[in-house]
Amino acid sequence: MPRYSIDGIKLQIPGHCLTDKLDQQLRDEVYEWKEVNGLKRHLKVGDRVLELGGGAGYIALQAARIVTPGNVATIEANAEMVQTIGTNLALNGAEEVRLLHGAVVPDDFVGDSVEFDIKPAFWSSALADGERKGAARRTSVPAHKLRDVLDAFQPDLVIMDVEGAEKDLARQNWPDMVKMVIMEIHPQIYPPSAIRDIFDGMSAADFAYMPWGSRGNLVVFQRLPDDPDTQT
């Protein structure tokens, strides 16, 4: 099984879950660098973190360094990657990170499971949308409504890389406990109108675009403070 070390974090990832491009990013230690920069810019000791789309566990491990493992929860839909995350948490002494299998869905979703396409590169797997394409393998995974997981984990900061599902999650009624959302958007998947809808949805939930930590398709949203002169 391929092994990597990025910023002092040890990762093991099944070879069949990798493509050459993903393997190279891991070896070059540039994997998820924008997300890590956003976390390091905004995450504070004592914060509680919820990650949607756990991947290989790297972001959860970076967060655990700052806020301790017990203050981090991560959710991943691909059952094999859930096992991989568990392995990587153990490799790095972060077993207290809470790990949940499933996909996060909008609050009006009906049903206990949702269809999910597992693709050759684990980072591109996503909720099923239309006909199954290419080498993707379609399966059913547990569905967790956004409000339910927010109520369960009570995060201050949510970070998500959910391969297009963010366009629906951004339109939800985010509770006041969440002070910041770090979101990877996917303009290659949906039209510019969907990007507008993401920003409109987060604005309606009382979040503003935060340029510090945002870069390219990695967007930071900060809840507007009661005091308009307060800044992060």
Protein backbone atom coordinates (compact mmCIF):
# COMPACT_ATOMS: atom_id res chain seq x y z
CA MET A 1 0.00 0.00 0.00
CA PRO A 2 1.47 3.40 -0.97
CA ARG A 3 2.70 5.47 1.96
CA TYR A 4 3.26 9.21 2.12
CA SER A 5 4.44 11.85 4.57
CA ILE A 6 3.09 15.39 4.15
CA ASP A 7 3.94 18.14 6.62
CA GLY A 8 4.89 15.43 9.10
CA ILE A 9 1.56 13.59 8.73
CA LYS A 10 1.74 9.92 7.73
CA LEU A 11 -0.78 8.57 5.22
CA GLN A 12 -1.47 5.12 3.82
CA ILE A 13 -3.84 4.93 0.84
CA PRO A 14 -4.87 1.85 -1.18
CA GLY A 15 -3.23 1.93 -4.59
CA HIS A 16 -6.47 1.29 -6.46
CA CYS A 17 -7.93 4.48 -4.94
CA LEU A 18 -5.23 6.59 -6.62
CA THR A 19 -4.54 7.97 -10.07
CA ASP A 20 -1.09 9.04 -11.28
CA LYS A 21 -2.03 12.71 -10.81
CA LEU A 22 -3.21 12.19 -7.24
CA ASP A 23 -0.18 10.06 -6.40
CA GLN A 24 2.12 12.80 -7.71
CA GLN A 25 0.40 15.49 -5.64
CA LEU A 26 0.82 13.36 -2.55
CA ARG A 27 4.49 12.72 -3.30
CA ASP A 28 5.11 16.40 -4.05
CA GLU A 29 3.40 17.28 -0.73
CA VAL A 30 0.98 19.71 -2.38
CA TYR A 31 -2.13 17.63 -1.72
CA GLU A 32 -4.96 19.78 -0.26
CA TRP A 33 -2.58 22.69 0.34
CA LYS A 34 -5.26 25.36 -0.12
CA GLU A 35 -7.50 23.74 2.51
CA VAL A 36 -4.60 23.48 4.93
CA ASN A 37 -3.75 27.16 4.42
CA GLY A 38 -7.37 28.11 5.13
CA LEU A 39 -7.42 26.05 8.31
CA LYS A 40 -4.14 27.44 9.59
CA ARG A 41 -5.33 30.98 8.89
CA HIS A 42 -8.60 30.73 10.79
CA LEU A 43 -8.72 27.74 13.15
CA LYS A 44 -8.12 28.52 16.81
CA VAL A 45 -7.38 26.42 19.87
CA GLY A 46 -10.68 25.37 21.44
CA ASP A 47 -12.65 25.41 18.18
CA ARG A 48 -14.72 22.41 17.13
CA VAL A 49 -14.31 21.27 13.52
CA LEU A 50 -16.60 19.27 11.25
CA GLU A 51 -15.24 18.06 7.92
CA LEU A 52 -17.60 16.97 5.14
CA GLY A 53 -15.78 14.70 2.70
CA GLY A 54 -13.00 13.14 4.74
CA GLY A 55 -10.91 11.75 1.88
CA ALA A 56 -7.82 10.13 3.36
CA GLY A 57 -8.06 11.92 6.70
CA TYR A 58 -5.36 14.50 6.01
CA ILE A 59 -7.46 17.60 6.70
CA ALA A 60 -8.91 16.10 9.87
CA LEU A 61 -5.37 15.37 11.04
CA GLN A 62 -4.25 18.92 10.30
CA ALA A 63 -7.21 20.26 12.26
CA ALA A 64 -6.50 17.87 15.14
CA ARG A 65 -3.01 19.33 15.48
CA ILE A 66 -4.53 22.72 16.25
CA VAL A 67 -7.66 21.92 18.27
CA THR A 68 -6.86 18.38 19.56
CA PRO A 69 -8.38 15.20 18.05
CA GLY A 70 -11.38 15.18 20.38
CA ASN A 71 -12.59 18.46 18.83
CA VAL A 72 -12.64 17.11 15.26
CA ALA A 73 -15.26 15.07 13.40
CA THR A 74 -15.09 13.92 9.79
CA ILE A 75 -17.69 12.33 7.51
CA GLU A 76 -16.83 10.25 4.44
CA ALA A 77 -19.16 8.45 2.02
CA ASN A 78 -16.73 5.92 0.53
CA ALA A 79 -16.68 2.97 2.94
CA GLU A 80 -13.16 1.94 1.92
CA MET A 81 -11.86 5.44 2.56
CA VAL A 82 -13.56 5.39 5.97
CA GLN A 83 -11.31 2.43 6.78
CA THR A 84 -8.34 4.32 5.34
CA ILE A 85 -9.11 7.37 7.49
CA GLY A 86 -9.27 5.12 10.56
CA THR A 87 -5.86 3.68 9.69
CA ASN A 88 -4.36 7.12 9.18
CA LEU A 89 -5.82 8.47 12.41
CA ALA A 90 -4.19 5.58 14.26
CA LEU A 91 -0.87 6.10 12.44
CA ASN A 92 -0.79 9.67 13.70
CA GLY A 93 -2.10 9.08 17.24
CA ALA A 94 -5.41 10.83 16.58
CA GLU A 95 -7.91 8.05 17.26
CA GLU A 96 -10.16 10.44 19.20
CA VAL A 97 -11.25 12.13 15.94
CA ARG A 98 -14.87 11.12 15.42
CA LEU A 99 -15.42 9.32 12.12
CA LEU A 100 -18.80 8.80 10.48
CA HIS A 101 -19.68 6.89 7.31
CA GLY A 102 -22.16 8.51 4.94
CA ALA A 103 -22.97 11.53 2.80
CA VAL A 104 -24.37 14.81 4.07
CA VAL A 105 -27.58 15.85 2.29
CA PRO A 106 -29.93 18.86 2.45
CA ASP A 107 -32.41 19.01 5.30
CA ASP A 108 -35.38 18.31 3.01
CA PHE A 109 -33.87 15.06 1.69
CA VAL A 110 -36.22 12.08 2.01
CA GLY A 111 -34.76 8.66 2.78
CA ASP A 112 -32.10 6.97 4.88
CA SER A 113 -29.60 6.39 2.05
CA VAL A 114 -28.35 8.13 -1.07
CA GLU A 115 -26.66 6.91 -4.26
CA PHE A 116 -22.94 7.58 -4.46
CA ASP A 117 -20.46 7.12 -7.33
CA ILE A 118 -17.05 5.81 -6.32
CA LYS A 119 -14.45 6.86 -8.89
CA PRO A 120 -10.89 5.64 -9.53
CA ALA A 121 -9.40 8.66 -7.72
CA PHE A 122 -10.94 8.78 -4.24
CA TRP A 123 -10.99 12.59 -4.21
CA SER A 124 -13.40 12.80 -7.17
CA SER A 125 -16.07 10.41 -5.87
CA ALA A 126 -19.42 12.16 -5.53
CA LEU A 127 -23.16 11.88 -5.04
CA ALA A 128 -24.72 10.21 -8.06
CA ASP A 129 -26.06 12.66 -10.64
CA GLY A 130 -27.69 11.12 -13.70
CA GLU A 131 -26.30 8.08 -15.49
CA ARG A 132 -23.25 6.33 -14.11
CA LYS A 133 -20.19 7.40 -16.10
CA GLY A 134 -16.91 5.73 -16.99
CA ALA A 135 -15.25 3.58 -14.34
CA ALA A 136 -17.42 4.86 -11.50
CA ARG A 137 -19.01 2.24 -9.24
CA ARG A 138 -22.42 3.21 -7.87
CA THR A 139 -23.45 2.25 -4.36
CA SER A 140 -25.85 3.33 -1.63
CA VAL A 141 -24.48 5.05 1.46
CA PRO A 142 -26.13 6.37 4.64
CA ALA A 143 -27.68 9.83 4.23
CA HIS A 144 -27.14 12.35 7.03
CA LYS A 145 -29.09 15.61 6.96
CA LEU A 146 -26.92 18.68 7.40
CA ARG A 147 -28.81 20.04 10.41
CA ASP A 148 -28.63 16.66 12.16
CA VAL A 149 -24.84 16.45 11.89
CA LEU A 150 -24.44 20.09 12.92
CA ASP A 151 -26.61 19.49 15.97
CA ALA A 152 -24.68 16.33 16.80
CA PHE A 153 -21.16 17.78 16.52
CA GLN A 154 -21.76 21.48 17.36
CA PRO A 155 -18.90 22.79 15.18
CA ASP A 156 -17.52 26.31 15.14
CA LEU A 157 -15.94 25.68 11.74
CA VAL A 158 -17.10 23.45 8.88
CA ILE A 159 -14.77 22.53 6.04
CA MET A 160 -16.12 20.71 2.99
CA ASP A 161 -14.96 19.19 -0.26
CA VAL A 162 -18.04 17.34 -1.48
CA GLU A 163 -17.61 17.42 -5.26
CA GLY A 164 -20.60 19.53 -6.20
CA ALA A 165 -22.97 18.83 -3.30
CA GLU A 166 -21.98 22.19 -1.82
CA LYS A 167 -24.42 23.97 -4.16
CA ASP A 168 -27.33 22.44 -2.23
CA LEU A 169 -25.77 22.60 1.25
CA ALA A 170 -25.01 26.31 0.85
CA ARG A 171 -28.74 27.04 0.65
CA GLN A 172 -29.49 25.54 4.06
CA ASN A 173 -30.33 27.39 7.27
CA TRP A 174 -26.95 27.28 9.02
CA PRO A 175 -27.31 27.55 12.82
CA ASP A 176 -25.57 30.29 14.76
CA MET A 177 -23.00 27.90 16.27
CA VAL A 178 -21.19 27.75 12.91
CA LYS A 179 -18.93 30.78 12.64
CA MET A 180 -16.97 29.86 9.53
CA VAL A 181 -17.38 27.61 6.47
CA ILE A 182 -14.40 26.71 4.29
CA MET A 183 -15.75 25.34 1.03
CA GLU A 184 -14.18 24.01 -2.13
CA ILE A 185 -16.42 24.94 -5.03
CA HIS A 186 -16.41 23.07 -8.34
CA PRO A 187 -17.00 25.38 -11.32
CA GLN A 188 -16.10 22.55 -13.68
CA ILE A 189 -19.23 20.67 -12.54
CA TYR A 190 -21.91 23.37 -12.55
CA PRO A 191 -22.59 26.69 -14.34
CA PRO A 192 -21.79 30.19 -13.04
CA SER A 193 -25.41 30.55 -11.91
CA ALA A 194 -24.78 27.80 -9.34
CA ILE A 195 -21.78 29.73 -7.99
CA ARG A 196 -24.04 32.77 -7.66
CA ASP A 197 -26.55 30.60 -5.79
CA ILE A 198 -23.84 29.38 -3.40
CA PHE A 199 -22.84 32.93 -2.51
CA ASP A 200 -26.47 34.04 -2.29
CA GLY A 201 -27.30 31.11 0.01
CA MET A 202 -24.42 31.77 2.35
CA SER A 203 -25.24 35.49 2.38
CA ALA A 204 -28.85 34.70 3.30
CA ALA A 205 -27.49 32.63 6.21
CA ASP A 206 -25.57 35.72 7.41
CA PHE A 207 -22.14 34.77 6.06
CA ALA A 208 -19.79 37.01 4.10
CA TYR A 209 -16.95 36.14 1.75
CA MET A 210 -13.65 36.23 3.63
CA PRO A 211 -10.66 36.91 1.31
CA TRP A 212 -8.09 35.84 3.93
CA GLY A 213 -7.62 32.12 3.36
CA SER A 214 -9.66 32.05 0.15
CA ARG A 215 -7.74 31.09 -2.97
CA GLY A 216 -8.99 29.98 -6.38
CA ASN A 217 -11.85 27.54 -5.88
CA LEU A 218 -11.28 27.40 -2.11
CA VAL A 219 -13.70 29.91 -0.59
CA VAL A 220 -13.93 31.00 3.06
CA PHE A 221 -17.23 32.30 4.42
CA GLN A 222 -17.31 34.03 7.81
CA ARG A 223 -20.47 34.64 9.82
CA LEU A 224 -21.11 38.34 10.18
CA PRO A 225 -20.38 39.43 13.78
CA ASP A 226 -22.87 41.30 15.92
CA ASP A 227 -20.34 44.10 16.06
CA PRO A 228 -19.76 45.21 12.45
CA ASP A 229 -16.27 46.49 13.35
CA THR A 230 -15.11 43.02 14.50
CA GLN A 231 -12.66 41.29 12.17
CA THR A 232 -10.90 37.93 12.11
